[in-house]
Amino acid sequence: MFYLLESYFRKMQKTFMQYLKNKNFYFNFFFVLLIFFLDRVTKIYVISLSKNNFDNKLFSSKYLDFTLIWNEGIAFGLMSFNNDLFYNILSAIILIITIVVLILALKNKGIKRYAFLSIFAGSLGNLYDRFFYFAVPDFIDFHFDSFHWFIFNVADIFITLGVIIMIMTEFFVKNESINE
């Protein structure tokens, strides 16, 4: 068992070292950093606005509201628990999935790589909040009359875009995965 893990980590290390030598490494790193930065800036801005307001509704228009809520669950507030053990287990599972997405990004190229990097960067932004705020601030609320879509944030936008691009590439683009 230990030998299999050691072999797997050596293979991962080799893949990562090859990736570092790739000339696109810096562009990919900047891509992830840009998404993470956009997410952080918007969340910090909204949190600071909410501290100055008495209401969580920060902006309101006919179809869009900015309403700060703290999401302790996963997407759309699902699996929100009042139990720290469940929250920690859920956070650990999300961390593992984020690492798997990074590995998939390293093993792919082209548009698939950027789809995975988009998912990774968004997940990284939400993980940051989970570990530092113990909840993810969501604030973008699209609505039509009394029908409200789920409240989300910038990281969720990039995760969703990455997933949509992945679905589209499965239907329309030849698989460019590196099979080594």
C-alpha atoms as a PDB file:
ATOM      1  CA  MET A   1       0.000   0.000   0.000  1.00  0.00           C
ATOM      2  CA  PHE A   2       2.767   2.432   0.996  1.00  0.00           C
ATOM      3  CA  TYR A   3       4.664   1.566  -2.195  1.00  0.00           C
ATOM      4  CA  LEU A   4       1.617   2.435  -4.323  1.00  0.00           C
ATOM      5  CA  LEU A   5       1.228   5.811  -2.613  1.00  0.00           C
ATOM      6  CA  GLU A   6       4.930   6.548  -2.967  1.00  0.00           C
ATOM      7  CA  SER A   7       4.834   5.588  -6.647  1.00  0.00           C
ATOM      8  CA  TYR A   8       1.779   7.763  -7.234  1.00  0.00           C
ATOM      9  CA  PHE A   9       3.362  10.794  -5.518  1.00  0.00           C
ATOM     10  CA  ARG A  10       6.572  10.370  -7.531  1.00  0.00           C
ATOM     11  CA  LYS A  11       4.540  10.336 -10.728  1.00  0.00           C
ATOM     12  CA  MET A  12       2.668  13.454  -9.568  1.00  0.00           C
ATOM     13  CA  GLN A  13       5.982  15.148  -8.736  1.00  0.00           C
ATOM     14  CA  LYS A  14       7.310  14.307 -12.198  1.00  0.00           C
ATOM     15  CA  THR A  15       4.164  15.709 -13.841  1.00  0.00           C
ATOM     16  CA  PHE A  16       4.366  18.862 -11.739  1.00  0.00           C
ATOM     17  CA  MET A  17       8.052  19.380 -12.572  1.00  0.00           C
ATOM     18  CA  GLN A  18       7.278  18.979 -16.282  1.00  0.00           C
ATOM     19  CA  TYR A  19       4.516  21.525 -15.879  1.00  0.00           C
ATOM     20  CA  LEU A  20       6.893  24.010 -14.220  1.00  0.00           C
ATOM     21  CA  LYS A  21       9.207  23.763 -17.222  1.00  0.00           C
ATOM     22  CA  ASN A  22       6.318  24.533 -19.556  1.00  0.00           C
ATOM     23  CA  LYS A  23       6.426  28.081 -20.917  1.00  0.00           C
ATOM     24  CA  ASN A  24       2.701  28.498 -20.219  1.00  0.00           C
ATOM     25  CA  PHE A  25       3.173  27.945 -16.488  1.00  0.00           C
ATOM     26  CA  TYR A  26       3.376  31.661 -15.731  1.00  0.00           C
ATOM     27  CA  PHE A  27       0.343  32.486 -17.854  1.00  0.00           C
ATOM     28  CA  ASN A  28      -1.653  29.707 -16.167  1.00  0.00           C
ATOM     29  CA  PHE A  29      -0.491  30.865 -12.743  1.00  0.00           C
ATOM     30  CA  PHE A  30      -1.495  34.445 -13.562  1.00  0.00           C
ATOM     31  CA  PHE A  31      -4.882  33.202 -14.819  1.00  0.00           C
ATOM     32  CA  VAL A  32      -5.588  31.469 -11.483  1.00  0.00           C
ATOM     33  CA  LEU A  33      -4.231  34.424  -9.522  1.00  0.00           C
ATOM     34  CA  LEU A  34      -6.416  36.874 -11.460  1.00  0.00           C
ATOM     35  CA  ILE A  35      -9.594  34.898 -10.754  1.00  0.00           C
ATOM     36  CA  PHE A  36      -8.644  34.489  -7.088  1.00  0.00           C
ATOM     37  CA  PHE A  37      -7.874  38.221  -6.847  1.00  0.00           C
ATOM     38  CA  LEU A  38     -11.182  39.243  -8.474  1.00  0.00           C
ATOM     39  CA  ASP A  39     -13.033  36.998  -6.069  1.00  0.00           C
ATOM     40  CA  ARG A  40     -11.178  38.311  -3.010  1.00  0.00           C
ATOM     41  CA  VAL A  41     -11.600  41.979  -3.973  1.00  0.00           C
ATOM     42  CA  THR A  42     -15.341  41.646  -4.563  1.00  0.00           C
ATOM     43  CA  LYS A  43     -15.884  39.727  -1.332  1.00  0.00           C
ATOM     44  CA  ILE A  44     -13.804  42.156   0.736  1.00  0.00           C
ATOM     45  CA  TYR A  45     -15.695  45.079  -0.796  1.00  0.00           C
ATOM     46  CA  VAL A  46     -19.110  43.559  -0.108  1.00  0.00           C
ATOM     47  CA  ILE A  47     -18.167  42.564   3.447  1.00  0.00           C
ATOM     48  CA  SER A  48     -16.900  46.077   4.153  1.00  0.00           C
ATOM     49  CA  LEU A  49     -20.105  47.567   2.717  1.00  0.00           C
ATOM     50  CA  SER A  50     -22.226  45.317   4.898  1.00  0.00           C
ATOM     51  CA  LYS A  51     -20.382  46.463   8.018  1.00  0.00           C
ATOM     52  CA  ASN A  52     -21.457  50.041   7.238  1.00  0.00           C
ATOM     53  CA  ASN A  53     -25.098  49.119   6.532  1.00  0.00           C
ATOM     54  CA  PHE A  54     -27.745  47.945   8.937  1.00  0.00           C
ATOM     55  CA  ASP A  55     -29.249  45.675   6.303  1.00  0.00           C
ATOM     56  CA  ASN A  56     -27.652  42.823   4.330  1.00  0.00           C
ATOM     57  CA  LYS A  57     -29.207  44.200   1.140  1.00  0.00           C
ATOM     58  CA  LEU A  58     -26.466  46.427  -0.261  1.00  0.00           C
ATOM     59  CA  PHE A  59     -27.836  47.200  -3.711  1.00  0.00           C
ATOM     60  CA  SER A  60     -31.199  46.647  -5.315  1.00  0.00           C
ATOM     61  CA  SER A  61     -32.497  46.958  -8.872  1.00  0.00           C
ATOM     62  CA  LYS A  62     -35.224  45.422 -10.973  1.00  0.00           C
ATOM     63  CA  TYR A  63     -33.317  42.204 -11.733  1.00  0.00           C
ATOM     64  CA  LEU A  64     -30.204  42.251  -9.554  1.00  0.00           C
ATOM     65  CA  ASP A  65     -29.609  42.657  -5.847  1.00  0.00           C
ATOM     66  CA  PHE A  66     -26.424  42.497  -3.820  1.00  0.00           C
ATOM     67  CA  THR A  67     -27.425  40.798  -0.598  1.00  0.00           C
ATOM     68  CA  LEU A  68     -24.727  39.377   1.665  1.00  0.00           C
ATOM     69  CA  ILE A  69     -25.392  35.935   3.074  1.00  0.00           C
ATOM     70  CA  TRP A  70     -22.919  33.559   4.717  1.00  0.00           C
ATOM     71  CA  ASN A  71     -23.045  30.095   3.171  1.00  0.00           C
ATOM     72  CA  GLU A  72     -21.739  27.314   5.431  1.00  0.00           C
ATOM     73  CA  GLY A  73     -22.731  24.510   3.053  1.00  0.00           C
ATOM     74  CA  ILE A  74     -21.791  23.676  -0.495  1.00  0.00           C
ATOM     75  CA  ALA A  75     -23.315  25.070  -3.691  1.00  0.00           C
ATOM     76  CA  PHE A  76     -26.549  26.964  -3.157  1.00  0.00           C
ATOM     77  CA  GLY A  77     -26.400  26.482   0.613  1.00  0.00           C
ATOM     78  CA  LEU A  78     -26.943  22.736   0.419  1.00  0.00           C
ATOM     79  CA  MET A  79     -25.600  20.629   3.288  1.00  0.00           C
ATOM     80  CA  SER A  80     -25.393  23.509   5.764  1.00  0.00           C
ATOM     81  CA  PHE A  81     -24.863  22.029   9.203  1.00  0.00           C
ATOM     82  CA  ASN A  82     -24.708  23.467  12.685  1.00  0.00           C
ATOM     83  CA  ASN A  83     -22.203  20.777  13.603  1.00  0.00           C
ATOM     84  CA  ASP A  84     -18.468  21.574  13.432  1.00  0.00           C
ATOM     85  CA  LEU A  85     -17.552  17.960  12.696  1.00  0.00           C
ATOM     86  CA  PHE A  86     -19.726  17.831   9.576  1.00  0.00           C
ATOM     87  CA  TYR A  87     -18.450  21.249   8.489  1.00  0.00           C
ATOM     88  CA  ASN A  88     -14.826  20.093   8.840  1.00  0.00           C
ATOM     89  CA  ILE A  89     -15.500  16.841   6.982  1.00  0.00           C
ATOM     90  CA  LEU A  90     -17.249  18.755   4.202  1.00  0.00           C
ATOM     91  CA  SER A  91     -14.344  21.221   4.003  1.00  0.00           C
ATOM     92  CA  ALA A  92     -11.840  18.330   3.809  1.00  0.00           C
ATOM     93  CA  ILE A  93     -13.823  16.724   0.982  1.00  0.00           C
ATOM     94  CA  ILE A  94     -13.912  20.057  -0.888  1.00  0.00           C
ATOM     95  CA  LEU A  95     -10.135  20.417  -0.389  1.00  0.00           C
ATOM     96  CA  ILE A  96      -9.536  16.944  -1.824  1.00  0.00           C
ATOM     97  CA  ILE A  97     -11.765  17.693  -4.818  1.00  0.00           C
ATOM     98  CA  THR A  98      -9.883  20.971  -5.373  1.00  0.00           C
ATOM     99  CA  ILE A  99      -6.564  19.091  -5.425  1.00  0.00           C
ATOM    100  CA  VAL A 100      -7.990  16.568  -7.891  1.00  0.00           C
ATOM    101  CA  VAL A 101      -9.145  19.438 -10.128  1.00  0.00           C
ATOM    102  CA  LEU A 102      -5.625  20.904 -10.023  1.00  0.00           C
ATOM    103  CA  ILE A 103      -4.153  17.534 -11.017  1.00  0.00           C
ATOM    104  CA  LEU A 104      -6.638  17.314 -13.896  1.00  0.00           C
ATOM    105  CA  ALA A 105      -5.644  20.834 -14.970  1.00  0.00           C
ATOM    106  CA  LEU A 106      -1.993  19.801 -15.007  1.00  0.00           C
ATOM    107  CA  LYS A 107      -2.741  16.717 -17.080  1.00  0.00           C
ATOM    108  CA  ASN A 108      -4.812  18.486 -19.725  1.00  0.00           C
ATOM    109  CA  LYS A 109      -4.021  21.119 -22.298  1.00  0.00           C
ATOM    110  CA  GLY A 110      -5.842  23.659 -24.381  1.00  0.00           C
ATOM    111  CA  ILE A 111      -9.298  24.836 -23.431  1.00  0.00           C
ATOM    112  CA  LYS A 112      -9.800  21.919 -21.036  1.00  0.00           C
ATOM    113  CA  ARG A 113      -6.844  23.100 -18.980  1.00  0.00           C
ATOM    114  CA  TYR A 114      -8.343  26.578 -18.655  1.00  0.00           C
ATOM    115  CA  ALA A 115     -11.731  25.129 -17.753  1.00  0.00           C
ATOM    116  CA  PHE A 116     -10.097  23.127 -14.957  1.00  0.00           C
ATOM    117  CA  LEU A 117      -7.989  26.124 -13.900  1.00  0.00           C
ATOM    118  CA  SER A 118     -11.136  28.254 -13.750  1.00  0.00           C
ATOM    119  CA  ILE A 119     -12.823  25.651 -11.536  1.00  0.00           C
ATOM    120  CA  PHE A 120      -9.669  25.388  -9.428  1.00  0.00           C
ATOM    121  CA  ALA A 121      -9.330  29.152  -8.955  1.00  0.00           C
ATOM    122  CA  GLY A 122     -12.982  29.548  -7.978  1.00  0.00           C
ATOM    123  CA  SER A 123     -12.747  26.649  -5.592  1.00  0.00           C
ATOM    124  CA  LEU A 124      -9.582  28.112  -4.106  1.00  0.00           C
ATOM    125  CA  GLY A 125     -11.395  31.411  -3.470  1.00  0.00           C
ATOM    126  CA  ASN A 126     -14.251  29.661  -1.699  1.00  0.00           C
ATOM    127  CA  LEU A 127     -11.862  27.426   0.261  1.00  0.00           C
ATOM    128  CA  TYR A 128     -10.036  30.504   1.476  1.00  0.00           C
ATOM    129  CA  ASP A 129     -13.296  31.827   2.905  1.00  0.00           C
ATOM    130  CA  ARG A 130     -14.180  28.466   4.462  1.00  0.00           C
ATOM    131  CA  PHE A 131     -10.890  28.375   6.336  1.00  0.00           C
ATOM    132  CA  PHE A 132     -10.740  32.043   7.352  1.00  0.00           C
ATOM    133  CA  TYR A 133     -14.420  32.988   7.804  1.00  0.00           C
ATOM    134  CA  PHE A 134     -15.860  29.486   8.365  1.00  0.00           C
ATOM    135  CA  ALA A 135     -18.428  30.354   5.688  1.00  0.00           C
ATOM    136  CA  VAL A 136     -18.471  31.624   2.117  1.00  0.00           C
ATOM    137  CA  PRO A 137     -19.885  35.107   1.503  1.00  0.00           C
ATOM    138  CA  ASP A 138     -22.407  35.010  -1.340  1.00  0.00           C
ATOM    139  CA  PHE A 139     -23.960  38.232  -2.527  1.00  0.00           C
ATOM    140  CA  ILE A 140     -25.088  38.262  -6.191  1.00  0.00           C
ATOM    141  CA  ASP A 141     -28.853  37.759  -6.344  1.00  0.00           C
ATOM    142  CA  PHE A 142     -30.553  37.632  -9.768  1.00  0.00           C
ATOM    143  CA  HIS A 143     -34.320  37.751  -9.677  1.00  0.00           C
ATOM    144  CA  PHE A 144     -37.408  38.305 -11.742  1.00  0.00           C
ATOM    145  CA  ASP A 145     -40.310  39.652  -9.730  1.00  0.00           C
ATOM    146  CA  SER A 146     -40.582  37.308  -6.753  1.00  0.00           C
ATOM    147  CA  PHE A 147     -38.536  34.476  -8.335  1.00  0.00           C
ATOM    148  CA  HIS A 148     -34.966  34.612  -6.990  1.00  0.00           C
ATOM    149  CA  TRP A 149     -32.144  32.529  -8.361  1.00  0.00           C
ATOM    150  CA  PHE A 150     -29.599  31.173  -5.872  1.00  0.00           C
ATOM    151  CA  ILE A 151     -27.299  33.790  -4.355  1.00  0.00           C
ATOM    152  CA  PHE A 152     -23.703  33.315  -5.489  1.00  0.00           C
ATOM    153  CA  ASN A 153     -20.306  35.047  -5.720  1.00  0.00           C
ATOM    154  CA  VAL A 154     -17.558  35.667  -8.291  1.00  0.00           C
ATOM    155  CA  ALA A 155     -15.799  32.371  -7.505  1.00  0.00           C
ATOM    156  CA  ASP A 156     -19.046  30.525  -8.219  1.00  0.00           C
ATOM    157  CA  ILE A 157     -19.254  32.274 -11.599  1.00  0.00           C
ATOM    158  CA  PHE A 158     -15.839  30.942 -12.609  1.00  0.00           C
ATOM    159  CA  ILE A 159     -16.596  27.457 -11.286  1.00  0.00           C
ATOM    160  CA  THR A 160     -19.810  27.430 -13.312  1.00  0.00           C
ATOM    161  CA  LEU A 161     -18.072  28.752 -16.435  1.00  0.00           C
ATOM    162  CA  GLY A 162     -15.410  26.066 -16.075  1.00  0.00           C
ATOM    163  CA  VAL A 163     -18.037  23.335 -15.771  1.00  0.00           C
ATOM    164  CA  ILE A 164     -19.965  24.689 -18.789  1.00  0.00           C
ATOM    165  CA  ILE A 165     -16.756  24.779 -20.843  1.00  0.00           C
ATOM    166  CA  MET A 166     -15.982  21.197 -19.758  1.00  0.00           C
ATOM    167  CA  ILE A 167     -19.435  20.040 -20.870  1.00  0.00           C
ATOM    168  CA  MET A 168     -19.090  21.887 -24.179  1.00  0.00           C
ATOM    169  CA  THR A 169     -15.638  20.419 -24.852  1.00  0.00           C
ATOM    170  CA  GLU A 170     -16.936  16.906 -24.209  1.00  0.00           C
ATOM    171  CA  PHE A 171     -19.520  17.437 -26.939  1.00  0.00           C
ATOM    172  CA  PHE A 172     -17.621  19.518 -29.485  1.00  0.00           C
ATOM    173  CA  VAL A 173     -13.825  19.294 -29.023  1.00  0.00           C
ATOM    174  CA  LYS A 174     -11.527  16.339 -29.609  1.00  0.00           C
ATOM    175  CA  ASN A 175     -10.034  15.059 -26.328  1.00  0.00           C
ATOM    176  CA  GLU A 176      -6.517  16.510 -25.879  1.00  0.00           C
ATOM    177  CA  SER A 177      -5.676  14.820 -22.582  1.00  0.00           C
ATOM    178  CA  ILE A 178      -2.082  13.825 -22.026  1.00  0.00           C
ATOM    179  CA  ASN A 179      -2.071  10.055 -21.494  1.00  0.00           C
ATOM    180  CA  GLU A 180       1.322   9.194 -20.040  1.00  0.00           C
END
